[in-house]
Amino acid sequence: MKKLNLSIVIPTRNRLKLLKKTLTHLKKNNFFFKEIIVVDSSDKEEKIRLSELKLTFVFKIINSTPGISKQRNEGLKNVNKNTKYVMFLDDDIVFEKNSIVKMYNFLKLNPKYAGVGFNLMIKKINKYVEGIKKYKLIKYLGIYDDKNGKVTPSGWQTKAINLKKNEYVDWLPTQAVIYSYQKIKHKKFDTKYGSYSYLEDLDFSYDLKNKGLIINSKAKYSSDNDVKRNPFFFGLKEIVNRYYFVKKFNLKISNFLIGCLFLILKHLILFFTFKPGYLIRIIGNLVGLIKIST
């Protein structure tokens, strides 16, 4: 196969074991890219260990302070300016067999899209919560939608996972996504979403929805590691960051507030299914509502 003119940007922090596993898989598929840029915000000892990696492909390590948006911007700034595609990739991704080959073939046949996502496969789905989202009243209130990858008037987005066919979407997650460099070379990830950058991928991709965003259903992957979040802080960010997104894109505040009530109800349901951490998350949600009202 002819090497694809693609640059991969991987932000990481203190997760060398997971990163090495991801890099090993990419090494076996080196026809897919011309360079990999790892943007590292690890502690000193982990940085040293990462710098000792011996790899046979073009590999850059950019040191950065923590912050996913900031790290992705650093990576984007350092890609080869003659590249055709930029791929943003998390450091804990597990691709299914031949996923990268299937994405390679898709890109060769479909160069017109601004962004193409891999298909996230999730086995464990809460049927109670997902069932509530499908109620017609929820769609009528503009909180959720029955379409995959949709951004609703409330500012909440629907997932596009376990897809059986290719689907056009309003947004793409940055776990495993490829963008046309020409379409994004003047864009940046918004650092106002904070160090964890919750919703930074929604913000970045939603701005491109009219230029063509699609998920390739045959190119499947899963995530090898759950991010451990402080439930209070994350509950706070769920409200504050969502509010920022709604304001930025001129969506409907009234629908957003209804969506906040639904979010708290969803967390109550999860709390009563023997998940005590969701009570702390609800407290974070309530503090977030107070914060945006002051």
Protein backbone atom coordinates (compact mmCIF):
# COMPACT_ATOMS: atom_id res chain seq x y z
CA MET A 1 0.00 0.00 0.00
CA LYS A 2 1.14 3.53 -0.76
CA LYS A 3 1.80 5.44 2.46
CA LEU A 4 -1.04 7.82 3.36
CA ASN A 5 -0.07 11.46 3.81
CA LEU A 6 -1.40 11.58 7.37
CA SER A 7 -0.08 12.95 10.66
CA ILE A 8 -1.23 11.43 13.97
CA VAL A 9 -1.45 13.59 17.12
CA ILE A 10 -1.62 11.75 20.46
CA PRO A 11 -1.89 13.70 23.74
CA THR A 12 -0.78 11.73 26.80
CA ARG A 13 -0.05 12.12 30.49
CA ASN A 14 1.51 9.48 32.77
CA ARG A 15 0.11 6.55 30.76
CA LEU A 16 3.20 5.12 29.08
CA LYS A 17 1.99 1.53 29.28
CA LEU A 18 -1.21 2.32 27.38
CA LEU A 19 0.60 4.58 24.93
CA LYS A 20 3.18 1.88 24.09
CA LYS A 21 0.35 -0.54 23.31
CA THR A 22 -1.23 1.99 20.94
CA LEU A 23 2.11 2.74 19.25
CA THR A 24 2.82 -0.98 18.80
CA HIS A 25 -0.43 -1.37 16.88
CA LEU A 26 0.34 1.67 14.72
CA LYS A 27 3.80 0.31 13.97
CA LYS A 28 2.16 -2.74 12.40
CA ASN A 29 0.13 -0.39 10.17
CA ASN A 30 2.79 2.14 9.20
CA PHE A 31 1.36 2.45 5.68
CA PHE A 32 -1.38 4.55 7.29
CA PHE A 33 0.69 7.57 8.35
CA LYS A 34 3.85 9.57 7.72
CA GLU A 35 4.44 10.84 11.24
CA ILE A 36 3.27 10.50 14.83
CA ILE A 37 3.39 13.45 17.23
CA VAL A 38 3.03 12.62 20.91
CA VAL A 39 2.23 15.67 23.03
CA ASP A 40 3.34 14.74 26.52
CA SER A 41 2.40 16.43 29.80
CA SER A 42 3.71 13.62 32.02
CA ASP A 43 5.70 13.97 35.20
CA LYS A 44 9.50 14.13 34.84
CA GLU A 45 10.24 10.42 35.40
CA GLU A 46 7.59 9.34 32.89
CA LYS A 47 8.90 11.88 30.34
CA ILE A 48 12.35 10.33 30.54
CA ARG A 49 10.97 6.83 29.97
CA LEU A 50 8.96 8.04 26.98
CA SER A 51 12.02 9.74 25.45
CA GLU A 52 13.85 6.38 25.53
CA LEU A 53 11.37 4.69 23.17
CA LYS A 54 13.08 3.36 20.05
CA LEU A 55 10.74 3.59 17.08
CA THR A 56 11.36 3.05 13.38
CA PHE A 57 8.91 5.65 12.04
CA VAL A 58 8.91 9.46 12.10
CA PHE A 59 8.16 10.20 15.73
CA LYS A 60 8.16 13.53 17.56
CA ILE A 61 7.70 14.18 21.26
CA ILE A 62 6.40 17.63 22.16
CA ASN A 63 6.50 18.56 25.84
CA SER A 64 3.48 20.44 27.11
CA THR A 65 1.72 21.52 30.27
CA PRO A 66 -1.44 19.49 31.09
CA GLY A 67 -4.67 20.16 29.21
CA ILE A 68 -6.16 18.10 26.38
CA SER A 69 -7.17 21.10 24.25
CA LYS A 70 -3.79 22.73 24.75
CA GLN A 71 -1.95 19.50 23.91
CA ARG A 72 -3.95 18.91 20.74
CA ASN A 73 -3.25 22.50 19.67
CA GLU A 74 0.47 21.91 20.24
CA GLY A 75 0.29 18.80 18.09
CA LEU A 76 -1.61 20.58 15.33
CA LYS A 77 0.95 23.37 15.36
CA ASN A 78 3.78 20.88 14.82
CA VAL A 79 2.37 18.70 12.02
CA ASN A 80 4.09 18.67 8.66
CA LYS A 81 2.52 21.55 6.73
CA ASN A 82 2.34 19.42 3.58
CA THR A 83 0.21 16.77 5.26
CA LYS A 84 -3.19 15.95 3.80
CA TYR A 85 -4.86 14.52 6.91
CA VAL A 86 -4.53 14.99 10.66
CA MET A 87 -5.66 12.21 12.96
CA PHE A 88 -6.38 12.91 16.63
CA LEU A 89 -6.00 9.76 18.69
CA ASP A 90 -6.26 8.99 22.40
CA ASP A 91 -3.47 6.95 23.98
CA ASP A 92 -5.76 4.06 25.06
CA ILE A 93 -7.44 3.02 21.81
CA VAL A 94 -7.83 -0.60 20.70
CA PHE A 95 -8.58 -0.99 16.99
CA GLU A 96 -10.40 -4.07 15.74
CA LYS A 97 -8.69 -6.23 13.14
CA ASN A 98 -8.33 -4.47 9.76
CA SER A 99 -9.98 -1.26 11.05
CA ILE A 100 -7.07 0.85 9.88
CA VAL A 101 -7.05 -0.84 6.46
CA LYS A 102 -10.78 -0.17 6.13
CA MET A 103 -10.27 3.49 7.05
CA TYR A 104 -7.38 3.75 4.57
CA ASN A 105 -9.61 2.44 1.77
CA PHE A 106 -12.47 4.75 2.79
CA LEU A 107 -10.25 7.84 2.68
CA LYS A 108 -8.87 6.89 -0.72
CA LEU A 109 -12.40 6.67 -2.14
CA ASN A 110 -13.89 9.60 -0.17
CA PRO A 111 -11.46 12.53 0.09
CA LYS A 112 -14.19 15.19 0.25
CA TYR A 113 -15.15 15.02 3.95
CA ALA A 114 -13.94 17.51 6.55
CA GLY A 115 -13.90 14.80 9.20
CA VAL A 116 -14.18 11.00 9.32
CA GLY A 117 -14.62 9.15 12.60
CA PHE A 118 -13.87 5.56 13.53
CA ASN A 119 -16.83 3.57 14.89
CA LEU A 120 -16.78 3.26 18.70
CA MET A 121 -18.01 -0.12 19.94
CA ILE A 122 -19.43 -0.21 23.47
CA LYS A 123 -20.73 -3.40 25.07
CA LYS A 124 -22.17 -2.07 28.33
CA ILE A 125 -25.07 0.33 27.80
CA ASN A 126 -27.53 1.35 30.54
CA LYS A 127 -30.88 0.34 29.02
CA TYR A 128 -32.91 2.41 31.51
CA VAL A 129 -31.13 5.67 30.69
CA GLU A 130 -31.02 5.02 26.94
CA GLY A 131 -34.71 4.08 27.02
CA ILE A 132 -35.69 7.40 28.60
CA LYS A 133 -33.78 9.31 25.90
CA LYS A 134 -36.02 7.78 23.23
CA TYR A 135 -39.26 9.20 24.65
CA LYS A 136 -41.02 11.51 22.18
CA LEU A 137 -41.38 14.16 24.93
CA ILE A 138 -37.59 14.27 25.36
CA LYS A 139 -37.17 14.92 21.64
CA TYR A 140 -40.01 17.46 21.63
CA LEU A 141 -38.28 19.40 24.43
CA GLY A 142 -35.10 19.51 22.37
CA ILE A 143 -33.05 17.59 24.94
CA TYR A 144 -32.13 14.48 22.96
CA ASP A 145 -32.82 13.03 19.54
CA ASP A 146 -33.32 9.54 18.15
CA LYS A 147 -30.70 10.18 15.45
CA ASN A 148 -27.06 9.21 15.98
CA GLY A 149 -24.47 11.96 16.42
CA LYS A 150 -27.03 14.76 16.61
CA VAL A 151 -26.57 18.07 18.48
CA THR A 152 -29.91 19.16 19.90
CA PRO A 153 -31.24 22.69 20.65
CA SER A 154 -30.40 22.11 24.34
CA GLY A 155 -26.70 21.75 23.50
CA TRP A 156 -26.68 18.05 24.40
CA GLN A 157 -25.36 15.65 21.79
CA THR A 158 -26.41 12.10 21.04
CA LYS A 159 -23.87 9.30 20.74
CA ALA A 160 -22.98 7.56 17.50
CA ILE A 161 -21.78 4.14 18.63
CA ASN A 162 -22.06 0.52 17.49
CA LEU A 163 -23.06 1.70 14.01
CA LYS A 164 -24.15 -0.82 11.39
CA LYS A 165 -23.79 1.60 8.47
CA ASN A 166 -21.94 4.83 7.68
CA GLU A 167 -23.72 7.87 9.09
CA TYR A 168 -23.48 11.61 8.68
CA VAL A 169 -23.21 13.35 12.05
CA ASP A 170 -23.17 16.82 13.62
CA TRP A 171 -20.05 16.14 15.69
CA LEU A 172 -17.14 13.73 16.09
CA PRO A 173 -15.31 12.58 19.25
CA THR A 174 -11.53 13.02 19.23
CA GLN A 175 -10.80 9.53 20.56
CA ALA A 176 -10.11 8.36 16.99
CA VAL A 177 -10.92 10.85 14.23
CA ILE A 178 -9.35 12.08 11.00
CA TYR A 179 -9.68 15.59 9.60
CA SER A 180 -8.75 17.14 6.29
CA TYR A 181 -5.79 19.36 7.19
CA GLN A 182 -6.93 22.04 4.74
CA LYS A 183 -10.27 22.27 6.57
CA ILE A 184 -8.78 22.64 10.07
CA LYS A 185 -5.34 24.22 9.69
CA HIS A 186 -6.64 27.60 10.88
CA LYS A 187 -8.69 26.12 13.73
CA LYS A 188 -7.80 25.56 17.38
CA PHE A 189 -9.34 23.61 20.21
CA ASP A 190 -10.95 26.00 22.68
CA THR A 191 -8.91 26.01 25.91
CA LYS A 192 -11.76 27.62 27.86
CA TYR A 193 -13.15 24.13 28.48
CA GLY A 194 -10.47 23.71 31.15
CA SER A 195 -7.58 21.31 31.73
CA TYR A 196 -9.70 18.18 31.28
CA SER A 197 -11.38 19.93 28.33
CA TYR A 198 -14.79 18.25 28.65
CA LEU A 199 -16.76 18.89 25.40
CA GLU A 200 -13.73 20.26 23.53
CA ASP A 201 -14.31 17.70 20.74
CA LEU A 202 -17.97 18.66 20.44
CA ASP A 203 -16.97 22.32 20.13
CA PHE A 204 -14.23 21.66 17.56
CA SER A 205 -16.25 19.39 15.28
CA TYR A 206 -19.69 21.04 15.49
CA ASP A 207 -18.19 24.08 13.81
CA LEU A 208 -17.40 21.83 10.81
CA LYS A 209 -20.71 20.00 10.44
CA ASN A 210 -21.66 21.84 7.26
CA LYS A 211 -18.38 20.77 5.63
CA GLY A 212 -19.15 17.07 5.96
CA LEU A 213 -18.71 14.84 9.00
CA ILE A 214 -19.20 11.08 8.75
CA ILE A 215 -18.45 7.91 10.72
CA ASN A 216 -17.03 4.91 8.88
CA SER A 217 -18.95 2.02 10.44
CA LYS A 218 -16.48 -0.64 9.26
CA ALA A 219 -13.49 0.98 11.01
CA LYS A 220 -14.20 -0.14 14.58
CA TYR A 221 -12.43 0.54 17.85
CA SER A 222 -12.90 0.40 21.60
CA SER A 223 -11.34 2.28 24.50
CA ASP A 224 -9.01 0.27 26.71
CA ASN A 225 -9.24 2.44 29.80
CA ASP A 226 -11.89 4.41 31.69
CA VAL A 227 -10.85 7.91 32.71
CA LYS A 228 -11.07 8.30 36.48
CA ARG A 229 -12.82 11.59 37.22
CA ASN A 230 -13.57 13.41 40.44
CA PRO A 231 -17.41 13.06 40.50
CA PHE A 232 -18.03 16.50 42.04
CA PHE A 233 -15.69 18.34 39.68
CA PHE A 234 -17.01 16.46 36.66
CA GLY A 235 -20.62 17.16 37.70
CA LEU A 236 -19.73 20.85 37.89
CA LYS A 237 -18.08 20.79 34.45
CA GLU A 238 -21.08 18.98 32.93
CA ILE A 239 -23.13 22.12 33.56
CA VAL A 240 -20.56 24.93 33.21
CA ASN A 241 -18.93 23.65 30.01
CA ARG A 242 -22.26 22.79 28.42
CA TYR A 243 -23.55 26.28 29.20
CA TYR A 244 -20.43 27.76 27.56
CA PHE A 245 -21.03 25.64 24.43
CA VAL A 246 -24.71 26.66 24.26
CA LYS A 247 -23.85 30.35 24.56
CA LYS A 248 -21.00 30.14 22.06
CA PHE A 249 -23.14 28.55 19.33
CA ASN A 250 -26.32 30.51 20.10
CA LEU A 251 -28.38 27.49 21.08
CA LYS A 252 -31.47 27.71 23.29
CA ILE A 253 -30.92 28.48 26.98
CA SER A 254 -34.46 27.38 27.87
CA ASN A 255 -33.87 23.93 26.31
CA PHE A 256 -30.47 23.78 28.02
CA LEU A 257 -32.04 24.34 31.45
CA ILE A 258 -34.63 21.61 30.81
CA GLY A 259 -31.73 19.42 29.75
CA CYS A 260 -30.00 20.12 33.08
CA LEU A 261 -33.06 18.88 34.97
CA PHE A 262 -33.10 15.76 32.82
CA LEU A 263 -29.37 15.23 33.49
CA ILE A 264 -29.94 15.35 37.25
CA LEU A 265 -32.89 12.95 36.91
CA LYS A 266 -30.68 10.58 34.91
CA HIS A 267 -28.02 10.70 37.62
CA LEU A 268 -30.68 10.00 40.28
CA ILE A 269 -31.71 6.87 38.38
CA LEU A 270 -28.09 5.76 38.22
CA PHE A 271 -27.66 6.50 41.95
CA PHE A 272 -30.62 4.26 42.76
CA THR A 273 -29.06 1.47 40.68
CA PHE A 274 -26.40 1.19 43.39
CA LYS A 275 -23.91 3.70 42.02
CA PRO A 276 -23.29 6.01 45.03
CA GLY A 277 -20.79 8.24 43.21
CA TYR A 278 -23.64 9.79 41.24
CA LEU A 279 -24.95 11.53 44.37
CA ILE A 280 -21.71 13.54 44.54
CA ARG A 281 -22.01 14.20 40.82
CA ILE A 282 -25.53 15.59 41.34
CA ILE A 283 -24.14 17.97 43.96
CA GLY A 284 -21.60 19.10 41.36
CA ASN A 285 -24.44 19.62 38.87
CA LEU A 286 -26.33 21.79 41.36
CA VAL A 287 -23.25 23.87 42.16
CA GLY A 288 -22.73 24.29 38.41
CA LEU A 289 -26.28 25.64 38.02
CA ILE A 290 -25.62 28.13 40.82
CA LYS A 291 -22.33 29.14 39.21
CA ILE A 292 -23.84 29.93 35.80
CA SER A 293 -26.70 31.89 37.35
CA THR A 294 -24.43 34.29 39.24
